[in-house]
Amino acid sequence: MLGGLCANDSRAAAALAVPFLIRITTDAHHAHRAAALAVLSDPARARHFGVASRDELLLHRTDPRRHAPDDYDDYGVEVTGYPAGWSVAAARAAITAHTPALLPLLGDFDPTVRVDAAYALATAADPDHTIRAALANGYAAQRDAMVRAALLLATAEITRAHPHPPTVTWLRERWQDHAEVPEARLAAAIGWLCLTDDPASEELRRTVDALSDDERAHAMEALPWMNAAAGSNEPGLLRCKRCMLHPEENDPEAIFWDSLF
């Protein structure tokens, strides 16, 4: 139901559910804790489905209640007439308030929970870099390839909201590290591209092109960032690669829709 409200641009209702979903998520004995965590941060994100460009991926806009009262901070207006940015800000505020309860989930025994916890925490405000530090510590101890990739994407998202030049350098080192698992190198490359205006080097292009085969791209749909970036018959990883590194290539989604008319 919450996913449907978000898909139908009614986050004002969905945002109210976030504190209650957090209670379920942080209850180790609740049968639906993983399912609740999987949708927890949906209201905290808007207009991100199919977005895979360097300019837009991982982007948090400022709180419209304080910074953009006239244009709703580029989030627009929901079908109910409520400013969508206000809903997003409310959901993020709830997640931020419950950060201490959510951080332990980064060490959960279930790797899916660890991935989804990173995805949720990436929407929280982190002015003191507490979340970034927890993500980095989790990364250092983590061996699961998908979780490592998730922690890097979450770190990049947090850093885009709260700039931190040493983290940008650290992400570059991660995609350059040949000893790192491919999933993590790809996540680090995507994160680094979103945090800098520097042109992509030939080394980065070769790395991404070599590692992002179809099998790995479909496997990485398990990462909510990549799942959200996906288009029609185009996995999120391949869409990110095309939009960020090969913008001259045709968009399969545009071709699909053009074929219908």
C-alpha atoms as a PDB file:
ATOM      1  CA  MET A   1       0.000   0.000   0.000  1.00  0.00           C
ATOM      2  CA  LEU A   2       2.777   2.434   0.904  1.00  0.00           C
ATOM      3  CA  GLY A   3       4.577   1.703  -2.356  1.00  0.00           C
ATOM      4  CA  GLY A   4       1.358   2.329  -4.242  1.00  0.00           C
ATOM      5  CA  LEU A   5       0.837   5.681  -2.547  1.00  0.00           C
ATOM      6  CA  CYS A   6       4.334   6.752  -3.529  1.00  0.00           C
ATOM      7  CA  ALA A   7       3.919   5.496  -7.092  1.00  0.00           C
ATOM      8  CA  ASN A   8       0.664   7.452  -7.346  1.00  0.00           C
ATOM      9  CA  ASP A   9       2.328  10.596  -6.015  1.00  0.00           C
ATOM     10  CA  SER A  10       0.537  10.668  -2.660  1.00  0.00           C
ATOM     11  CA  ARG A  11       3.521  10.748  -0.305  1.00  0.00           C
ATOM     12  CA  ALA A  12       1.760  13.057   2.144  1.00  0.00           C
ATOM     13  CA  ALA A  13      -0.148  10.014   3.405  1.00  0.00           C
ATOM     14  CA  ALA A  14       2.787   7.632   3.122  1.00  0.00           C
ATOM     15  CA  ALA A  15       5.132   9.881   5.113  1.00  0.00           C
ATOM     16  CA  LEU A  16       2.873   9.524   8.162  1.00  0.00           C
ATOM     17  CA  ALA A  17       3.567   5.790   8.194  1.00  0.00           C
ATOM     18  CA  VAL A  18       7.354   6.128   8.446  1.00  0.00           C
ATOM     19  CA  PRO A  19       7.679   6.317  12.273  1.00  0.00           C
ATOM     20  CA  PHE A  20       5.444   3.257  12.642  1.00  0.00           C
ATOM     21  CA  LEU A  21       7.416   1.323  10.008  1.00  0.00           C
ATOM     22  CA  ILE A  22      10.588   2.123  11.933  1.00  0.00           C
ATOM     23  CA  ARG A  23       9.074   0.526  15.047  1.00  0.00           C
ATOM     24  CA  ILE A  24       8.397  -2.651  13.060  1.00  0.00           C
ATOM     25  CA  THR A  25      11.816  -2.572  11.421  1.00  0.00           C
ATOM     26  CA  THR A  26      13.695  -2.252  14.709  1.00  0.00           C
ATOM     27  CA  ASP A  27      11.718  -5.061  16.395  1.00  0.00           C
ATOM     28  CA  ALA A  28      13.977  -8.094  15.964  1.00  0.00           C
ATOM     29  CA  HIS A  29      11.046 -10.454  16.570  1.00  0.00           C
ATOM     30  CA  HIS A  30       8.545  -8.898  14.163  1.00  0.00           C
ATOM     31  CA  ALA A  31       7.690 -11.206  11.268  1.00  0.00           C
ATOM     32  CA  HIS A  32       7.534  -8.343   8.755  1.00  0.00           C
ATOM     33  CA  ARG A  33      10.555  -6.298   9.797  1.00  0.00           C
ATOM     34  CA  ALA A  34      12.442  -6.885   6.534  1.00  0.00           C
ATOM     35  CA  ALA A  35       9.407  -5.994   4.421  1.00  0.00           C
ATOM     36  CA  ALA A  36       8.852  -2.809   6.421  1.00  0.00           C
ATOM     37  CA  LEU A  37      12.489  -1.799   6.036  1.00  0.00           C
ATOM     38  CA  ALA A  38      12.357  -2.419   2.276  1.00  0.00           C
ATOM     39  CA  VAL A  39       9.718   0.322   1.820  1.00  0.00           C
ATOM     40  CA  LEU A  40      10.689   2.545   4.735  1.00  0.00           C
ATOM     41  CA  SER A  41      12.550   5.160   2.720  1.00  0.00           C
ATOM     42  CA  ASP A  42      10.258   5.223  -0.342  1.00  0.00           C
ATOM     43  CA  PRO A  43       8.409   8.327   0.971  1.00  0.00           C
ATOM     44  CA  ALA A  44      11.797   9.977   1.578  1.00  0.00           C
ATOM     45  CA  ARG A  45      12.602   9.905  -2.126  1.00  0.00           C
ATOM     46  CA  ALA A  46      10.713  11.523  -4.987  1.00  0.00           C
ATOM     47  CA  ARG A  47      11.071  11.698  -8.736  1.00  0.00           C
ATOM     48  CA  HIS A  48      13.954   9.259  -8.758  1.00  0.00           C
ATOM     49  CA  PHE A  49      12.564   6.280 -10.678  1.00  0.00           C
ATOM     50  CA  GLY A  50      14.404   5.896 -13.962  1.00  0.00           C
ATOM     51  CA  VAL A  51      16.870   8.651 -12.979  1.00  0.00           C
ATOM     52  CA  ALA A  52      20.416   7.588 -13.783  1.00  0.00           C
ATOM     53  CA  SER A  53      22.336  10.736 -14.718  1.00  0.00           C
ATOM     54  CA  ARG A  54      25.277  12.255 -12.872  1.00  0.00           C
ATOM     55  CA  ASP A  55      23.224  15.390 -12.237  1.00  0.00           C
ATOM     56  CA  GLU A  56      20.234  13.643 -10.645  1.00  0.00           C
ATOM     57  CA  LEU A  57      21.213  10.254  -9.208  1.00  0.00           C
ATOM     58  CA  LEU A  58      21.696  10.278  -5.408  1.00  0.00           C
ATOM     59  CA  LEU A  59      20.559  13.906  -5.280  1.00  0.00           C
ATOM     60  CA  HIS A  60      18.798  15.332  -2.220  1.00  0.00           C
ATOM     61  CA  ARG A  61      17.184  18.689  -2.763  1.00  0.00           C
ATOM     62  CA  THR A  62      16.964  21.150   0.109  1.00  0.00           C
ATOM     63  CA  ASP A  63      14.013  21.343   2.466  1.00  0.00           C
ATOM     64  CA  PRO A  64      11.368  23.445   0.638  1.00  0.00           C
ATOM     65  CA  ARG A  65       9.846  24.610   3.914  1.00  0.00           C
ATOM     66  CA  ARG A  66      12.986  26.638   4.561  1.00  0.00           C
ATOM     67  CA  HIS A  67      14.719  27.186   1.240  1.00  0.00           C
ATOM     68  CA  ALA A  68      12.313  27.128  -1.700  1.00  0.00           C
ATOM     69  CA  PRO A  69       8.775  28.115  -0.680  1.00  0.00           C
ATOM     70  CA  ASP A  70       7.744  29.197  -4.170  1.00  0.00           C
ATOM     71  CA  ASP A  71       8.770  26.313  -6.427  1.00  0.00           C
ATOM     72  CA  TYR A  72       8.491  23.455  -3.894  1.00  0.00           C
ATOM     73  CA  ASP A  73      12.164  22.725  -4.422  1.00  0.00           C
ATOM     74  CA  ASP A  74      11.635  21.149  -7.848  1.00  0.00           C
ATOM     75  CA  TYR A  75       9.636  18.245  -6.430  1.00  0.00           C
ATOM     76  CA  GLY A  76       6.363  19.629  -7.726  1.00  0.00           C
ATOM     77  CA  VAL A  77       2.902  19.121  -6.268  1.00  0.00           C
ATOM     78  CA  GLU A  78       1.231  15.801  -5.465  1.00  0.00           C
ATOM     79  CA  VAL A  79      -2.086  14.793  -7.013  1.00  0.00           C
ATOM     80  CA  THR A  80      -3.707  15.810  -3.731  1.00  0.00           C
ATOM     81  CA  GLY A  81      -2.380  19.356  -4.167  1.00  0.00           C
ATOM     82  CA  TYR A  82       0.149  18.953  -1.344  1.00  0.00           C
ATOM     83  CA  PRO A  83       3.762  20.014  -2.055  1.00  0.00           C
ATOM     84  CA  ALA A  84       5.668  16.780  -2.703  1.00  0.00           C
ATOM     85  CA  GLY A  85       8.859  18.204  -1.251  1.00  0.00           C
ATOM     86  CA  TRP A  86       7.169  18.701   2.101  1.00  0.00           C
ATOM     87  CA  SER A  87       6.268  15.005   2.211  1.00  0.00           C
ATOM     88  CA  VAL A  88       9.819  14.005   1.372  1.00  0.00           C
ATOM     89  CA  ALA A  89      11.202  16.354   4.039  1.00  0.00           C
ATOM     90  CA  ALA A  90       8.816  14.931   6.655  1.00  0.00           C
ATOM     91  CA  ALA A  91       9.823  11.344   5.874  1.00  0.00           C
ATOM     92  CA  ARG A  92      13.508  12.240   6.002  1.00  0.00           C
ATOM     93  CA  ALA A  93      13.020  14.043   9.297  1.00  0.00           C
ATOM     94  CA  ALA A  94      11.433  10.924  10.797  1.00  0.00           C
ATOM     95  CA  ILE A  95      14.283   8.717   9.600  1.00  0.00           C
ATOM     96  CA  THR A  96      16.829  11.225  10.906  1.00  0.00           C
ATOM     97  CA  ALA A  97      15.160  11.276  14.326  1.00  0.00           C
ATOM     98  CA  HIS A  98      15.387   7.480  14.519  1.00  0.00           C
ATOM     99  CA  THR A  99      18.950   7.175  13.232  1.00  0.00           C
ATOM    100  CA  PRO A 100      20.260   5.682  16.529  1.00  0.00           C
ATOM    101  CA  ALA A 101      17.700   2.868  16.266  1.00  0.00           C
ATOM    102  CA  LEU A 102      18.435   2.196  12.589  1.00  0.00           C
ATOM    103  CA  LEU A 103      22.238   2.210  12.687  1.00  0.00           C
ATOM    104  CA  PRO A 104      22.516  -1.237  14.372  1.00  0.00           C
ATOM    105  CA  LEU A 105      20.732  -2.750  11.366  1.00  0.00           C
ATOM    106  CA  LEU A 106      23.905  -2.208   9.348  1.00  0.00           C
ATOM    107  CA  GLY A 107      25.268  -5.173  11.307  1.00  0.00           C
ATOM    108  CA  ASP A 108      22.195  -7.402  10.989  1.00  0.00           C
ATOM    109  CA  PHE A 109      22.714 -11.110  10.239  1.00  0.00           C
ATOM    110  CA  ASP A 110      20.552 -10.787   7.076  1.00  0.00           C
ATOM    111  CA  PRO A 111      22.457  -9.151   4.171  1.00  0.00           C
ATOM    112  CA  THR A 112      19.197  -7.893   2.656  1.00  0.00           C
ATOM    113  CA  VAL A 113      18.458  -6.025   5.868  1.00  0.00           C
ATOM    114  CA  ARG A 114      21.953  -4.519   5.795  1.00  0.00           C
ATOM    115  CA  VAL A 115      21.411  -3.317   2.222  1.00  0.00           C
ATOM    116  CA  ASP A 116      17.987  -1.817   2.953  1.00  0.00           C
ATOM    117  CA  ALA A 117      19.229  -0.213   6.179  1.00  0.00           C
ATOM    118  CA  ALA A 118      21.958   1.545   4.204  1.00  0.00           C
ATOM    119  CA  TYR A 119      19.348   2.685   1.663  1.00  0.00           C
ATOM    120  CA  ALA A 120      17.137   4.130   4.392  1.00  0.00           C
ATOM    121  CA  LEU A 121      19.944   5.790   6.348  1.00  0.00           C
ATOM    122  CA  ALA A 122      21.211   7.449   3.166  1.00  0.00           C
ATOM    123  CA  THR A 123      18.127   9.708   3.254  1.00  0.00           C
ATOM    124  CA  ALA A 124      18.793  10.999   6.774  1.00  0.00           C
ATOM    125  CA  ALA A 125      20.440  14.294   7.634  1.00  0.00           C
ATOM    126  CA  ASP A 126      24.021  13.693   8.715  1.00  0.00           C
ATOM    127  CA  PRO A 127      25.649  17.030   9.595  1.00  0.00           C
ATOM    128  CA  ASP A 128      27.954  15.404  12.141  1.00  0.00           C
ATOM    129  CA  HIS A 129      28.992  12.594   9.745  1.00  0.00           C
ATOM    130  CA  THR A 130      27.787   9.951  12.207  1.00  0.00           C
ATOM    131  CA  ILE A 131      26.082   7.906   9.496  1.00  0.00           C
ATOM    132  CA  ARG A 132      29.006   8.258   7.092  1.00  0.00           C
ATOM    133  CA  ALA A 133      31.351   6.942   9.774  1.00  0.00           C
ATOM    134  CA  ALA A 134      29.051   3.982  10.469  1.00  0.00           C
ATOM    135  CA  LEU A 135      28.867   3.175   6.751  1.00  0.00           C
ATOM    136  CA  ALA A 136      32.649   3.294   6.448  1.00  0.00           C
ATOM    137  CA  ASN A 137      33.107   1.069   9.503  1.00  0.00           C
ATOM    138  CA  GLY A 138      30.544  -1.378   8.163  1.00  0.00           C
ATOM    139  CA  TYR A 139      32.291  -1.432   4.812  1.00  0.00           C
ATOM    140  CA  ALA A 140      35.638  -2.251   6.407  1.00  0.00           C
ATOM    141  CA  ALA A 141      34.120  -5.269   8.180  1.00  0.00           C
ATOM    142  CA  GLN A 142      31.837  -6.417   5.369  1.00  0.00           C
ATOM    143  CA  ARG A 143      32.587  -9.311   2.993  1.00  0.00           C
ATOM    144  CA  ASP A 144      29.276  -9.692   1.143  1.00  0.00           C
ATOM    145  CA  ALA A 145      29.713  -8.153  -2.335  1.00  0.00           C
ATOM    146  CA  MET A 146      26.230  -6.627  -2.595  1.00  0.00           C
ATOM    147  CA  VAL A 147      26.369  -5.182   0.897  1.00  0.00           C
ATOM    148  CA  ARG A 148      29.764  -3.636   0.172  1.00  0.00           C
ATOM    149  CA  ALA A 149      28.284  -2.056  -2.953  1.00  0.00           C
ATOM    150  CA  ALA A 150      25.264  -0.794  -0.983  1.00  0.00           C
ATOM    151  CA  LEU A 151      27.452   0.797   1.678  1.00  0.00           C
ATOM    152  CA  LEU A 152      29.438   2.624  -1.003  1.00  0.00           C
ATOM    153  CA  LEU A 153      26.302   3.944  -2.729  1.00  0.00           C
ATOM    154  CA  ALA A 154      24.858   5.027   0.613  1.00  0.00           C
ATOM    155  CA  THR A 155      28.122   6.783   1.444  1.00  0.00           C
ATOM    156  CA  ALA A 156      28.021   8.599  -1.893  1.00  0.00           C
ATOM    157  CA  GLU A 157      24.392   9.639  -1.321  1.00  0.00           C
ATOM    158  CA  ILE A 158      25.131  10.971   2.155  1.00  0.00           C
ATOM    159  CA  THR A 159      28.187  12.784   0.811  1.00  0.00           C
ATOM    160  CA  ARG A 160      26.182  14.395  -1.958  1.00  0.00           C
ATOM    161  CA  ALA A 161      23.895  15.867   0.699  1.00  0.00           C
ATOM    162  CA  HIS A 162      26.779  16.708   3.060  1.00  0.00           C
ATOM    163  CA  PRO A 163      29.942  17.348   0.989  1.00  0.00           C
ATOM    164  CA  HIS A 164      33.125  15.776   2.277  1.00  0.00           C
ATOM    165  CA  PRO A 165      36.115  15.904  -0.147  1.00  0.00           C
ATOM    166  CA  PRO A 166      38.082  13.074   1.553  1.00  0.00           C
ATOM    167  CA  THR A 167      35.159  10.727   0.872  1.00  0.00           C
ATOM    168  CA  VAL A 168      35.205  11.637  -2.816  1.00  0.00           C
ATOM    169  CA  THR A 169      38.882  10.660  -2.910  1.00  0.00           C
ATOM    170  CA  TRP A 170      38.138   7.465  -0.987  1.00  0.00           C
ATOM    171  CA  LEU A 171      35.461   6.441  -3.497  1.00  0.00           C
ATOM    172  CA  ARG A 172      37.879   7.006  -6.367  1.00  0.00           C
ATOM    173  CA  GLU A 173      40.379   4.730  -4.644  1.00  0.00           C
ATOM    174  CA  ARG A 174      37.700   2.054  -4.259  1.00  0.00           C
ATOM    175  CA  TRP A 175      36.883   1.813  -7.974  1.00  0.00           C
ATOM    176  CA  GLN A 176      40.579   1.855  -8.800  1.00  0.00           C
ATOM    177  CA  ASP A 177      41.269  -1.061  -6.425  1.00  0.00           C
ATOM    178  CA  HIS A 178      41.650  -4.220  -8.532  1.00  0.00           C
ATOM    179  CA  ALA A 179      41.467  -6.366  -5.394  1.00  0.00           C
ATOM    180  CA  GLU A 180      37.943  -5.098  -4.672  1.00  0.00           C
ATOM    181  CA  VAL A 181      34.885  -7.121  -5.725  1.00  0.00           C
ATOM    182  CA  PRO A 182      33.398  -5.951  -9.074  1.00  0.00           C
ATOM    183  CA  GLU A 183      30.056  -4.929  -7.559  1.00  0.00           C
ATOM    184  CA  ALA A 184      31.770  -2.591  -5.119  1.00  0.00           C
ATOM    185  CA  ARG A 185      34.048  -1.129  -7.799  1.00  0.00           C
ATOM    186  CA  LEU A 186      31.027  -0.350  -9.962  1.00  0.00           C
ATOM    187  CA  ALA A 187      29.137   1.215  -7.054  1.00  0.00           C
ATOM    188  CA  ALA A 188      32.165   3.319  -6.165  1.00  0.00           C
ATOM    189  CA  ALA A 189      32.549   4.465  -9.768  1.00  0.00           C
ATOM    190  CA  ILE A 190      28.900   5.506  -9.982  1.00  0.00           C
ATOM    191  CA  GLY A 191      29.086   7.259  -6.624  1.00  0.00           C
ATOM    192  CA  TRP A 192      32.280   9.085  -7.584  1.00  0.00           C
ATOM    193  CA  LEU A 193      30.757  10.265 -10.875  1.00  0.00           C
ATOM    194  CA  CYS A 194      27.804  11.737  -8.969  1.00  0.00           C
ATOM    195  CA  LEU A 195      30.080  13.629  -6.573  1.00  0.00           C
ATOM    196  CA  THR A 196      32.389  15.330  -9.035  1.00  0.00           C
ATOM    197  CA  ASP A 197      32.269  17.332 -12.235  1.00  0.00           C
ATOM    198  CA  ASP A 198      35.582  15.897 -13.375  1.00  0.00           C
ATOM    199  CA  PRO A 199      35.398  14.143 -16.752  1.00  0.00           C
ATOM    200  CA  ALA A 200      35.415  10.364 -16.640  1.00  0.00           C
ATOM    201  CA  SER A 201      38.902   9.073 -17.326  1.00  0.00           C
ATOM    202  CA  GLU A 202      39.656   6.321 -19.804  1.00  0.00           C
ATOM    203  CA  GLU A 203      40.585   4.110 -16.860  1.00  0.00           C
ATOM    204  CA  LEU A 204      37.133   4.580 -15.319  1.00  0.00           C
ATOM    205  CA  ARG A 205      35.391   3.969 -18.642  1.00  0.00           C
ATOM    206  CA  ARG A 206      37.343   0.778 -19.226  1.00  0.00           C
ATOM    207  CA  THR A 207      36.647  -0.393 -15.679  1.00  0.00           C
ATOM    208  CA  VAL A 208      32.892   0.148 -15.881  1.00  0.00           C
ATOM    209  CA  ASP A 209      32.598  -1.261 -19.402  1.00  0.00           C
ATOM    210  CA  ALA A 210      34.583  -4.367 -18.469  1.00  0.00           C
ATOM    211  CA  LEU A 211      32.720  -5.119 -15.233  1.00  0.00           C
ATOM    212  CA  SER A 212      29.119  -4.253 -16.148  1.00  0.00           C
ATOM    213  CA  ASP A 213      28.065  -7.311 -18.132  1.00  0.00           C
ATOM    214  CA  ASP A 214      24.404  -8.317 -18.404  1.00  0.00           C
ATOM    215  CA  GLU A 215      24.598 -11.006 -15.731  1.00  0.00           C
ATOM    216  CA  ARG A 216      26.106  -8.675 -13.147  1.00  0.00           C
ATOM    217  CA  ALA A 217      23.718  -5.875 -14.108  1.00  0.00           C
ATOM    218  CA  HIS A 218      20.705  -8.080 -13.423  1.00  0.00           C
ATOM    219  CA  ALA A 219      22.212  -9.340 -10.163  1.00  0.00           C
ATOM    220  CA  MET A 220      22.778  -5.769  -8.986  1.00  0.00           C
ATOM    221  CA  GLU A 221      19.056  -5.045  -9.332  1.00  0.00           C
ATOM    222  CA  ALA A 222      19.030  -6.361  -5.745  1.00  0.00           C
ATOM    223  CA  LEU A 223      20.423  -2.947  -4.809  1.00  0.00           C
ATOM    224  CA  PRO A 224      17.488  -0.529  -4.444  1.00  0.00           C
ATOM    225  CA  TRP A 225      19.463   2.304  -6.065  1.00  0.00           C
ATOM    226  CA  MET A 226      19.959   0.248  -9.219  1.00  0.00           C
ATOM    227  CA  ASN A 227      16.400  -1.052  -9.171  1.00  0.00           C
ATOM    228  CA  ALA A 228      15.079   2.512  -9.021  1.00  0.00           C
ATOM    229  CA  ALA A 229      17.386   3.659 -11.842  1.00  0.00           C
ATOM    230  CA  ALA A 230      16.202   0.912 -14.197  1.00  0.00           C
ATOM    231  CA  GLY A 231      14.157   1.614 -17.304  1.00  0.00           C
ATOM    232  CA  SER A 232      12.122  -0.511 -19.692  1.00  0.00           C
ATOM    233  CA  ASN A 233      14.194  -3.642 -20.348  1.00  0.00           C
ATOM    234  CA  GLU A 234      17.332  -1.853 -19.129  1.00  0.00           C
ATOM    235  CA  PRO A 235      18.792  -2.754 -15.708  1.00  0.00           C
ATOM    236  CA  GLY A 236      19.759   0.170 -13.520  1.00  0.00           C
ATOM    237  CA  LEU A 237      23.492  -0.493 -13.768  1.00  0.00           C
ATOM    238  CA  LEU A 238      23.433  -0.438 -17.572  1.00  0.00           C
ATOM    239  CA  ARG A 239      21.206   2.628 -17.560  1.00  0.00           C
ATOM    240  CA  CYS A 240      23.666   4.427 -15.277  1.00  0.00           C
ATOM    241  CA  LYS A 241      26.560   3.415 -17.509  1.00  0.00           C
ATOM    242  CA  ARG A 242      24.778   4.663 -20.628  1.00  0.00           C
ATOM    243  CA  CYS A 243      23.597   7.947 -19.115  1.00  0.00           C
ATOM    244  CA  MET A 244      26.858   8.752 -17.358  1.00  0.00           C
ATOM    245  CA  LEU A 245      29.457   7.478 -19.799  1.00  0.00           C
ATOM    246  CA  HIS A 246      27.744   6.963 -23.147  1.00  0.00           C
ATOM    247  CA  PRO A 247      25.065   9.661 -23.481  1.00  0.00           C
ATOM    248  CA  GLU A 248      25.305   9.447 -27.282  1.00  0.00           C
ATOM    249  CA  GLU A 249      23.654   6.008 -27.222  1.00  0.00           C
ATOM    250  CA  ASN A 250      19.909   5.732 -27.821  1.00  0.00           C
ATOM    251  CA  ASP A 251      17.601   5.385 -24.825  1.00  0.00           C
ATOM    252  CA  PRO A 252      15.819   1.989 -25.044  1.00  0.00           C
ATOM    253  CA  GLU A 253      12.894   3.378 -23.061  1.00  0.00           C
ATOM    254  CA  ALA A 254      12.387   6.264 -25.499  1.00  0.00           C
ATOM    255  CA  ILE A 255      12.601   3.817 -28.407  1.00  0.00           C
ATOM    256  CA  PHE A 256       9.988   1.612 -26.718  1.00  0.00           C
ATOM    257  CA  TRP A 257       7.509   4.439 -26.193  1.00  0.00           C
ATOM    258  CA  ASP A 258       8.075   5.844 -29.675  1.00  0.00           C
ATOM    259  CA  SER A 259       7.240   2.437 -31.115  1.00  0.00           C
ATOM    260  CA  LEU A 260       3.772   2.610 -29.560  1.00  0.00           C
ATOM    261  CA  PHE A 261       2.762   5.723 -31.493  1.00  0.00           C
END
